[in-house]
Amino acid sequence: MNDSLKELASSLLLQNQADNGGQTEGLVGPKYQIPLDDFFTLAVSVDCVVFGFDGEDIKVLLIERGASPFRHHWALPGDLVYPTEDLQQAARRVLLELTGLEDLFMQQIKSFGRIDRHPLGRVITVAYIALIRIEHYDAHPDSWADKIEWHSLKNVTDLAFDHDDILEKAVDKLKARVRREPLGFELLPDKFTLNDLQSLYEAVLGRTFDKGNFRKKILGMNLLVDLNELQQNVAHRPAKLYRFDSDRYEELRESGFSFEL
């Protein structure tokens, strides 16, 4: 136990003695099956699941580990949390150090604490997810990450540690949020076609939508602005371009509107 924890424990004991008239017998407190010090020997880590869309497929950002354990294995960007930082700070630091990515909105989704998940000792990890437009960021390997690549979710297997489980839970969370919130628009260009939008939702949710029904539902939400522009330099008949009206969505949400797809 470090000095600060010892001081805290000593302070609590003295307070209990004072509350008990200076006596140590009969003090009420937690009784454990192991020494108190043993509770302060585990580590905490963070793992970052960064999703991106390339216009056709949903991908996840992976690093090739250049450090043991699991050296040369593909993994989610992750590392241990320093005692002097909180979880959000750690997630931002780790992502920046390993991938060069910064200023992402990351949401904490779940903790993973299987006893044998890390070969070097007991490590509890906290997972975060982020959504980005791939073309807007320059991800590159740094620190002990040897490589960094965008991988199609269809082809990801045999990741280091329990990262397959973490990724599976992150995908479930992404699907649930995309159904309830207009998060998909964050992965599209500012100007997009209805076909672009449908392709995105089909890629995320892993299902096919009827073209007519999808367009009717989306346009009926009144969340898109018709830009009165058409695609340029395409081999097929140019389609209309739209943009997402975030101000309109906030107005509707405050009045009880629910985005359901």
C-alpha atoms as a PDB file:
ATOM      1  CA  MET A   1       0.000   0.000   0.000  1.00  0.00           C
ATOM      2  CA  ASN A   2       1.444   3.397  -0.889  1.00  0.00           C
ATOM      3  CA  ASP A   3       2.065   6.148   1.686  1.00  0.00           C
ATOM      4  CA  SER A   4      -1.098   8.112   0.880  1.00  0.00           C
ATOM      5  CA  LEU A   5      -3.290   5.043   1.355  1.00  0.00           C
ATOM      6  CA  LYS A   6      -1.521   4.198   4.612  1.00  0.00           C
ATOM      7  CA  GLU A   7      -2.133   7.730   5.845  1.00  0.00           C
ATOM      8  CA  LEU A   8      -5.804   7.456   4.882  1.00  0.00           C
ATOM      9  CA  ALA A   9      -6.193   4.094   6.639  1.00  0.00           C
ATOM     10  CA  SER A  10      -4.447   5.440   9.755  1.00  0.00           C
ATOM     11  CA  SER A  11      -6.681   8.509   9.736  1.00  0.00           C
ATOM     12  CA  LEU A  12      -9.809   6.384   9.469  1.00  0.00           C
ATOM     13  CA  LEU A  13      -8.641   4.148  12.308  1.00  0.00           C
ATOM     14  CA  LEU A  14      -7.984   7.137  14.574  1.00  0.00           C
ATOM     15  CA  GLN A  15     -11.404   8.553  13.729  1.00  0.00           C
ATOM     16  CA  ASN A  16     -13.054   5.222  14.557  1.00  0.00           C
ATOM     17  CA  GLN A  17     -11.165   5.107  17.847  1.00  0.00           C
ATOM     18  CA  ALA A  18     -12.316   8.625  18.662  1.00  0.00           C
ATOM     19  CA  ASP A  19     -15.906   7.742  17.830  1.00  0.00           C
ATOM     20  CA  ASN A  20     -15.571   4.650  20.040  1.00  0.00           C
ATOM     21  CA  GLY A  21     -14.151   6.435  23.063  1.00  0.00           C
ATOM     22  CA  GLY A  22     -10.557   5.588  22.250  1.00  0.00           C
ATOM     23  CA  GLN A  23     -11.164   1.829  22.241  1.00  0.00           C
ATOM     24  CA  THR A  24     -10.183  -0.432  19.363  1.00  0.00           C
ATOM     25  CA  GLU A  25     -12.268  -3.421  20.424  1.00  0.00           C
ATOM     26  CA  GLY A  26     -15.758  -3.638  19.062  1.00  0.00           C
ATOM     27  CA  LEU A  27     -15.080  -1.336  16.148  1.00  0.00           C
ATOM     28  CA  VAL A  28     -17.534  -1.808  13.299  1.00  0.00           C
ATOM     29  CA  GLY A  29     -15.940  -2.073   9.872  1.00  0.00           C
ATOM     30  CA  PRO A  30     -15.692  -4.263   6.795  1.00  0.00           C
ATOM     31  CA  LYS A  31     -14.185  -7.731   7.238  1.00  0.00           C
ATOM     32  CA  TYR A  32     -12.399  -9.200   4.222  1.00  0.00           C
ATOM     33  CA  GLN A  33     -11.087 -12.652   3.402  1.00  0.00           C
ATOM     34  CA  ILE A  34      -7.763 -11.191   2.230  1.00  0.00           C
ATOM     35  CA  PRO A  35      -5.476  -8.433   3.590  1.00  0.00           C
ATOM     36  CA  LEU A  36      -6.590  -4.920   2.683  1.00  0.00           C
ATOM     37  CA  ASP A  37      -3.298  -4.322   0.836  1.00  0.00           C
ATOM     38  CA  ASP A  38      -4.153  -7.059  -1.674  1.00  0.00           C
ATOM     39  CA  PHE A  39      -7.062  -5.015  -3.016  1.00  0.00           C
ATOM     40  CA  PHE A  40      -4.623  -2.376  -4.271  1.00  0.00           C
ATOM     41  CA  THR A  41      -2.530  -4.638  -6.489  1.00  0.00           C
ATOM     42  CA  LEU A  42      -4.634  -4.717  -9.671  1.00  0.00           C
ATOM     43  CA  ALA A  43      -4.220  -2.443 -12.691  1.00  0.00           C
ATOM     44  CA  VAL A  44      -6.694  -0.556 -14.877  1.00  0.00           C
ATOM     45  CA  SER A  45      -6.433  -0.034 -18.622  1.00  0.00           C
ATOM     46  CA  VAL A  46      -8.451   1.624 -21.389  1.00  0.00           C
ATOM     47  CA  ASP A  47      -9.192   0.276 -24.863  1.00  0.00           C
ATOM     48  CA  CYS A  48     -10.433   2.499 -27.695  1.00  0.00           C
ATOM     49  CA  VAL A  49     -12.774   1.236 -30.421  1.00  0.00           C
ATOM     50  CA  VAL A  50     -12.672   3.764 -33.264  1.00  0.00           C
ATOM     51  CA  PHE A  51     -15.191   3.154 -36.059  1.00  0.00           C
ATOM     52  CA  GLY A  52     -14.964   4.760 -39.506  1.00  0.00           C
ATOM     53  CA  PHE A  53     -16.889   4.603 -42.773  1.00  0.00           C
ATOM     54  CA  ASP A  54     -15.149   4.608 -46.166  1.00  0.00           C
ATOM     55  CA  GLY A  55     -18.266   5.022 -48.292  1.00  0.00           C
ATOM     56  CA  GLU A  56     -18.919   1.310 -48.606  1.00  0.00           C
ATOM     57  CA  ASP A  57     -17.973  -0.439 -45.391  1.00  0.00           C
ATOM     58  CA  ILE A  58     -17.767   0.120 -41.643  1.00  0.00           C
ATOM     59  CA  LYS A  59     -14.212  -0.326 -40.406  1.00  0.00           C
ATOM     60  CA  VAL A  60     -12.405  -0.391 -37.075  1.00  0.00           C
ATOM     61  CA  LEU A  61      -8.950   1.025 -36.380  1.00  0.00           C
ATOM     62  CA  LEU A  62      -6.444  -1.589 -35.181  1.00  0.00           C
ATOM     63  CA  ILE A  63      -2.780  -1.494 -34.224  1.00  0.00           C
ATOM     64  CA  GLU A  64      -0.169  -4.197 -34.582  1.00  0.00           C
ATOM     65  CA  ARG A  65       1.418  -4.494 -31.162  1.00  0.00           C
ATOM     66  CA  GLY A  66       5.166  -3.967 -31.041  1.00  0.00           C
ATOM     67  CA  ALA A  67       5.400  -4.909 -27.369  1.00  0.00           C
ATOM     68  CA  SER A  68       4.775  -8.004 -25.294  1.00  0.00           C
ATOM     69  CA  PRO A  69       2.434  -9.585 -24.487  1.00  0.00           C
ATOM     70  CA  PHE A  70       0.811 -10.426 -27.845  1.00  0.00           C
ATOM     71  CA  ARG A  71       3.613  -8.830 -29.831  1.00  0.00           C
ATOM     72  CA  HIS A  72       2.850  -8.751 -33.589  1.00  0.00           C
ATOM     73  CA  HIS A  73      -0.859  -9.370 -32.899  1.00  0.00           C
ATOM     74  CA  TRP A  74      -3.576  -6.994 -34.056  1.00  0.00           C
ATOM     75  CA  ALA A  75      -5.350  -5.251 -31.206  1.00  0.00           C
ATOM     76  CA  LEU A  76      -7.505  -2.309 -30.270  1.00  0.00           C
ATOM     77  CA  PRO A  77      -5.492   0.780 -29.275  1.00  0.00           C
ATOM     78  CA  GLY A  78      -5.179   0.469 -25.511  1.00  0.00           C
ATOM     79  CA  ASP A  79      -2.817   0.758 -22.568  1.00  0.00           C
ATOM     80  CA  LEU A  80      -2.597   1.082 -18.797  1.00  0.00           C
ATOM     81  CA  VAL A  81      -3.999   4.021 -16.844  1.00  0.00           C
ATOM     82  CA  TYR A  82      -1.579   6.118 -14.824  1.00  0.00           C
ATOM     83  CA  PRO A  83      -2.467   6.615 -11.124  1.00  0.00           C
ATOM     84  CA  THR A  84      -2.517  10.385 -11.722  1.00  0.00           C
ATOM     85  CA  GLU A  85      -5.151  10.456 -14.516  1.00  0.00           C
ATOM     86  CA  ASP A  86      -8.841   9.702 -14.765  1.00  0.00           C
ATOM     87  CA  LEU A  87     -10.279   7.269 -17.305  1.00  0.00           C
ATOM     88  CA  GLN A  88     -11.277   9.871 -19.903  1.00  0.00           C
ATOM     89  CA  GLN A  89      -7.837  11.476 -19.768  1.00  0.00           C
ATOM     90  CA  ALA A  90      -6.228   8.073 -20.140  1.00  0.00           C
ATOM     91  CA  ALA A  91      -8.350   7.159 -23.163  1.00  0.00           C
ATOM     92  CA  ARG A  92      -7.438  10.402 -24.927  1.00  0.00           C
ATOM     93  CA  ARG A  93      -3.734  10.038 -24.078  1.00  0.00           C
ATOM     94  CA  VAL A  94      -3.505   6.407 -25.167  1.00  0.00           C
ATOM     95  CA  LEU A  95      -5.285   7.044 -28.465  1.00  0.00           C
ATOM     96  CA  LEU A  96      -3.014  10.006 -29.223  1.00  0.00           C
ATOM     97  CA  GLU A  97       0.182   8.155 -28.281  1.00  0.00           C
ATOM     98  CA  LEU A  98      -0.599   5.057 -30.357  1.00  0.00           C
ATOM     99  CA  THR A  99      -2.481   6.461 -33.364  1.00  0.00           C
ATOM    100  CA  GLY A 100      -1.914  10.217 -33.480  1.00  0.00           C
ATOM    101  CA  LEU A 101      -5.670  10.804 -33.242  1.00  0.00           C
ATOM    102  CA  GLU A 102      -6.933  13.527 -30.936  1.00  0.00           C
ATOM    103  CA  ASP A 103      -9.980  15.672 -30.221  1.00  0.00           C
ATOM    104  CA  LEU A 104     -12.395  12.770 -30.743  1.00  0.00           C
ATOM    105  CA  PHE A 105     -15.664  12.465 -28.878  1.00  0.00           C
ATOM    106  CA  MET A 106     -15.398   9.146 -27.045  1.00  0.00           C
ATOM    107  CA  GLN A 107     -18.123   7.422 -25.067  1.00  0.00           C
ATOM    108  CA  GLN A 108     -17.434   4.946 -22.295  1.00  0.00           C
ATOM    109  CA  ILE A 109     -19.443   1.787 -22.960  1.00  0.00           C
ATOM    110  CA  LYS A 110     -18.431  -1.093 -20.695  1.00  0.00           C
ATOM    111  CA  SER A 111     -15.791  -2.511 -18.368  1.00  0.00           C
ATOM    112  CA  PHE A 112     -14.222  -5.941 -18.803  1.00  0.00           C
ATOM    113  CA  GLY A 113     -12.805  -7.777 -15.808  1.00  0.00           C
ATOM    114  CA  ARG A 114     -12.333 -11.446 -16.598  1.00  0.00           C
ATOM    115  CA  ILE A 115      -9.692 -12.676 -14.155  1.00  0.00           C
ATOM    116  CA  ASP A 116      -7.370 -14.146 -16.797  1.00  0.00           C
ATOM    117  CA  ARG A 117      -7.834 -11.500 -19.504  1.00  0.00           C
ATOM    118  CA  HIS A 118      -4.219 -10.270 -19.177  1.00  0.00           C
ATOM    119  CA  PRO A 119      -1.274 -12.703 -18.917  1.00  0.00           C
ATOM    120  CA  LEU A 120       0.831 -10.407 -16.714  1.00  0.00           C
ATOM    121  CA  GLY A 121      -1.689  -9.982 -13.895  1.00  0.00           C
ATOM    122  CA  ARG A 122      -5.117  -8.749 -12.951  1.00  0.00           C
ATOM    123  CA  VAL A 123      -6.107  -5.897 -15.266  1.00  0.00           C
ATOM    124  CA  ILE A 124      -9.585  -4.442 -15.549  1.00  0.00           C
ATOM    125  CA  THR A 125     -10.145  -2.521 -18.774  1.00  0.00           C
ATOM    126  CA  VAL A 126     -12.681   0.139 -19.678  1.00  0.00           C
ATOM    127  CA  ALA A 127     -13.774   0.401 -23.303  1.00  0.00           C
ATOM    128  CA  TYR A 128     -14.556   3.595 -25.227  1.00  0.00           C
ATOM    129  CA  ILE A 129     -16.041   4.035 -28.700  1.00  0.00           C
ATOM    130  CA  ALA A 130     -15.685   6.858 -31.221  1.00  0.00           C
ATOM    131  CA  LEU A 131     -17.069   7.505 -34.711  1.00  0.00           C
ATOM    132  CA  ILE A 132     -15.069   9.395 -37.325  1.00  0.00           C
ATOM    133  CA  ARG A 133     -14.933  10.123 -41.016  1.00  0.00           C
ATOM    134  CA  ILE A 134     -11.830   8.300 -42.126  1.00  0.00           C
ATOM    135  CA  GLU A 135     -10.807  10.913 -44.682  1.00  0.00           C
ATOM    136  CA  HIS A 136     -10.781  13.672 -42.039  1.00  0.00           C
ATOM    137  CA  TYR A 137      -8.046  12.123 -39.896  1.00  0.00           C
ATOM    138  CA  ASP A 138      -4.465  11.044 -40.385  1.00  0.00           C
ATOM    139  CA  ALA A 139      -3.991   7.980 -38.214  1.00  0.00           C
ATOM    140  CA  HIS A 140      -0.401   6.773 -37.968  1.00  0.00           C
ATOM    141  CA  PRO A 141       1.460   4.325 -35.695  1.00  0.00           C
ATOM    142  CA  ASP A 142       3.459   5.748 -32.832  1.00  0.00           C
ATOM    143  CA  SER A 143       4.969   4.729 -29.504  1.00  0.00           C
ATOM    144  CA  TRP A 144       5.046   0.895 -29.366  1.00  0.00           C
ATOM    145  CA  ALA A 145       2.469   0.411 -32.157  1.00  0.00           C
ATOM    146  CA  ASP A 146       4.317  -1.082 -35.161  1.00  0.00           C
ATOM    147  CA  LYS A 147       1.471  -0.716 -37.662  1.00  0.00           C
ATOM    148  CA  ILE A 148      -1.957   0.820 -37.849  1.00  0.00           C
ATOM    149  CA  GLU A 149      -4.707  -0.102 -40.301  1.00  0.00           C
ATOM    150  CA  TRP A 150      -8.430   0.206 -40.886  1.00  0.00           C
ATOM    151  CA  HIS A 151      -9.974  -3.280 -40.903  1.00  0.00           C
ATOM    152  CA  SER A 152     -13.401  -4.281 -42.184  1.00  0.00           C
ATOM    153  CA  LEU A 153     -15.526  -5.614 -39.340  1.00  0.00           C
ATOM    154  CA  LYS A 154     -16.255  -8.640 -41.529  1.00  0.00           C
ATOM    155  CA  ASN A 155     -12.596  -9.679 -41.441  1.00  0.00           C
ATOM    156  CA  VAL A 156     -11.577  -9.054 -37.835  1.00  0.00           C
ATOM    157  CA  THR A 157     -10.692 -12.183 -35.828  1.00  0.00           C
ATOM    158  CA  ASP A 158      -8.150 -13.392 -33.286  1.00  0.00           C
ATOM    159  CA  LEU A 159      -7.350 -10.059 -31.685  1.00  0.00           C
ATOM    160  CA  ALA A 160      -5.043  -9.788 -28.663  1.00  0.00           C
ATOM    161  CA  PHE A 161      -6.324 -10.211 -25.108  1.00  0.00           C
ATOM    162  CA  ASP A 162     -10.152 -10.238 -25.026  1.00  0.00           C
ATOM    163  CA  HIS A 163     -10.421  -7.580 -27.719  1.00  0.00           C
ATOM    164  CA  ASP A 164     -12.700  -9.770 -29.848  1.00  0.00           C
ATOM    165  CA  ASP A 165     -15.248  -9.616 -27.005  1.00  0.00           C
ATOM    166  CA  ILE A 166     -14.737  -5.884 -26.555  1.00  0.00           C
ATOM    167  CA  LEU A 167     -15.221  -5.254 -30.267  1.00  0.00           C
ATOM    168  CA  GLU A 168     -18.378  -7.382 -30.332  1.00  0.00           C
ATOM    169  CA  LYS A 169     -19.909  -5.369 -27.476  1.00  0.00           C
ATOM    170  CA  ALA A 170     -18.851  -2.113 -29.150  1.00  0.00           C
ATOM    171  CA  VAL A 171     -20.545  -3.128 -32.406  1.00  0.00           C
ATOM    172  CA  ASP A 172     -23.741  -3.956 -30.489  1.00  0.00           C
ATOM    173  CA  LYS A 173     -23.594  -0.540 -28.827  1.00  0.00           C
ATOM    174  CA  LEU A 174     -23.019   1.175 -32.181  1.00  0.00           C
ATOM    175  CA  LYS A 175     -26.014  -0.581 -33.746  1.00  0.00           C
ATOM    176  CA  ALA A 176     -28.273   0.332 -30.826  1.00  0.00           C
ATOM    177  CA  ARG A 177     -27.231   3.991 -30.898  1.00  0.00           C
ATOM    178  CA  VAL A 178     -27.532   4.273 -34.684  1.00  0.00           C
ATOM    179  CA  ARG A 179     -31.105   3.017 -34.438  1.00  0.00           C
ATOM    180  CA  ARG A 180     -32.038   5.570 -31.751  1.00  0.00           C
ATOM    181  CA  GLU A 181     -29.916   8.586 -32.698  1.00  0.00           C
ATOM    182  CA  PRO A 182     -28.847  10.119 -36.032  1.00  0.00           C
ATOM    183  CA  LEU A 183     -25.224   9.134 -35.437  1.00  0.00           C
ATOM    184  CA  GLY A 184     -24.830   7.830 -38.954  1.00  0.00           C
ATOM    185  CA  PHE A 185     -24.631  11.360 -40.307  1.00  0.00           C
ATOM    186  CA  GLU A 186     -21.334  11.817 -38.453  1.00  0.00           C
ATOM    187  CA  LEU A 187     -19.755   9.248 -40.768  1.00  0.00           C
ATOM    188  CA  LEU A 188     -20.894  10.861 -44.021  1.00  0.00           C
ATOM    189  CA  PRO A 189     -19.551  13.876 -45.929  1.00  0.00           C
ATOM    190  CA  ASP A 190     -21.326  17.178 -45.328  1.00  0.00           C
ATOM    191  CA  LYS A 191     -23.127  16.660 -48.645  1.00  0.00           C
ATOM    192  CA  PHE A 192     -24.478  13.193 -49.372  1.00  0.00           C
ATOM    193  CA  THR A 193     -27.084  11.324 -51.394  1.00  0.00           C
ATOM    194  CA  LEU A 194     -29.898   9.190 -50.057  1.00  0.00           C
ATOM    195  CA  ASN A 195     -28.085   6.196 -51.518  1.00  0.00           C
ATOM    196  CA  ASP A 196     -24.982   7.122 -49.495  1.00  0.00           C
ATOM    197  CA  LEU A 197     -27.113   7.265 -46.364  1.00  0.00           C
ATOM    198  CA  GLN A 198     -28.821   3.942 -47.054  1.00  0.00           C
ATOM    199  CA  SER A 199     -25.481   2.249 -47.777  1.00  0.00           C
ATOM    200  CA  LEU A 200     -24.138   3.496 -44.452  1.00  0.00           C
ATOM    201  CA  TYR A 201     -27.066   2.204 -42.407  1.00  0.00           C
ATOM    202  CA  GLU A 202     -27.003  -1.117 -44.190  1.00  0.00           C
ATOM    203  CA  ALA A 203     -23.278  -1.455 -43.457  1.00  0.00           C
ATOM    204  CA  VAL A 204     -23.697  -0.572 -39.765  1.00  0.00           C
ATOM    205  CA  LEU A 205     -26.778  -2.680 -39.109  1.00  0.00           C
ATOM    206  CA  GLY A 206     -25.842  -5.573 -41.358  1.00  0.00           C
ATOM    207  CA  ARG A 207     -29.187  -5.676 -43.139  1.00  0.00           C
ATOM    208  CA  THR A 208     -30.768  -4.555 -46.404  1.00  0.00           C
ATOM    209  CA  PHE A 209     -33.480  -1.891 -46.533  1.00  0.00           C
ATOM    210  CA  ASP A 210     -36.135  -1.558 -49.187  1.00  0.00           C
ATOM    211  CA  LYS A 211     -35.061   1.517 -51.142  1.00  0.00           C
ATOM    212  CA  GLY A 212     -38.508   3.132 -51.339  1.00  0.00           C
ATOM    213  CA  ASN A 213     -39.434   2.511 -47.699  1.00  0.00           C
ATOM    214  CA  PHE A 214     -36.065   3.746 -46.448  1.00  0.00           C
ATOM    215  CA  ARG A 215     -36.288   7.003 -48.371  1.00  0.00           C
ATOM    216  CA  LYS A 216     -39.888   7.582 -47.334  1.00  0.00           C
ATOM    217  CA  LYS A 217     -39.029   7.096 -43.664  1.00  0.00           C
ATOM    218  CA  ILE A 218     -35.902   9.268 -43.747  1.00  0.00           C
ATOM    219  CA  LEU A 219     -37.483  12.129 -45.678  1.00  0.00           C
ATOM    220  CA  GLY A 220     -40.559  11.944 -43.452  1.00  0.00           C
ATOM    221  CA  MET A 221     -38.421  12.794 -40.421  1.00  0.00           C
ATOM    222  CA  ASN A 222     -37.750  16.280 -41.859  1.00  0.00           C
ATOM    223  CA  LEU A 223     -34.118  16.108 -40.808  1.00  0.00           C
ATOM    224  CA  LEU A 224     -32.574  16.569 -44.253  1.00  0.00           C
ATOM    225  CA  VAL A 225     -32.069  19.768 -46.198  1.00  0.00           C
ATOM    226  CA  ASP A 226     -32.356  19.498 -49.986  1.00  0.00           C
ATOM    227  CA  LEU A 227     -29.373  21.492 -51.280  1.00  0.00           C
ATOM    228  CA  ASN A 228     -30.789  21.810 -54.778  1.00  0.00           C
ATOM    229  CA  GLU A 229     -27.519  20.363 -56.032  1.00  0.00           C
ATOM    230  CA  LEU A 230     -26.665  17.223 -57.975  1.00  0.00           C
ATOM    231  CA  GLN A 231     -23.662  14.940 -57.884  1.00  0.00           C
ATOM    232  CA  GLN A 232     -20.797  15.916 -60.142  1.00  0.00           C
ATOM    233  CA  ASN A 233     -18.563  13.777 -62.348  1.00  0.00           C
ATOM    234  CA  VAL A 234     -20.420  10.489 -61.890  1.00  0.00           C
ATOM    235  CA  ALA A 235     -20.918   7.804 -64.533  1.00  0.00           C
ATOM    236  CA  HIS A 236     -24.585   7.314 -63.682  1.00  0.00           C
ATOM    237  CA  ARG A 237     -27.511   9.682 -63.461  1.00  0.00           C
ATOM    238  CA  PRO A 238     -26.542  12.292 -60.824  1.00  0.00           C
ATOM    239  CA  ALA A 239     -28.537  12.137 -57.609  1.00  0.00           C
ATOM    240  CA  LYS A 240     -29.720  14.930 -55.342  1.00  0.00           C
ATOM    241  CA  LEU A 241     -27.444  16.089 -52.537  1.00  0.00           C
ATOM    242  CA  TYR A 242     -28.645  16.629 -48.979  1.00  0.00           C
ATOM    243  CA  ARG A 243     -27.212  17.708 -45.654  1.00  0.00           C
ATOM    244  CA  PHE A 244     -28.249  16.842 -42.104  1.00  0.00           C
ATOM    245  CA  ASP A 245     -30.082  19.629 -40.243  1.00  0.00           C
ATOM    246  CA  SER A 246     -28.658  19.321 -36.725  1.00  0.00           C
ATOM    247  CA  ASP A 247     -30.520  22.403 -35.465  1.00  0.00           C
ATOM    248  CA  ARG A 248     -33.815  20.928 -36.625  1.00  0.00           C
ATOM    249  CA  TYR A 249     -32.996  17.640 -34.914  1.00  0.00           C
ATOM    250  CA  GLU A 250     -32.309  19.395 -31.589  1.00  0.00           C
ATOM    251  CA  GLU A 251     -35.630  21.239 -31.835  1.00  0.00           C
ATOM    252  CA  LEU A 252     -37.486  18.014 -32.539  1.00  0.00           C
ATOM    253  CA  ARG A 253     -35.644  16.101 -29.804  1.00  0.00           C
ATOM    254  CA  GLU A 254     -36.554  18.704 -27.192  1.00  0.00           C
ATOM    255  CA  SER A 255     -40.192  18.335 -28.176  1.00  0.00           C
ATOM    256  CA  GLY A 256     -40.079  14.559 -27.679  1.00  0.00           C
ATOM    257  CA  PHE A 257     -39.050  13.370 -31.147  1.00  0.00           C
ATOM    258  CA  SER A 258     -37.413   9.924 -31.219  1.00  0.00           C
ATOM    259  CA  PHE A 259     -35.156   8.886 -34.076  1.00  0.00           C
ATOM    260  CA  GLU A 260     -36.119   5.281 -34.833  1.00  0.00           C
ATOM    261  CA  LEU A 261     -34.922   3.381 -37.883  1.00  0.00           C
END
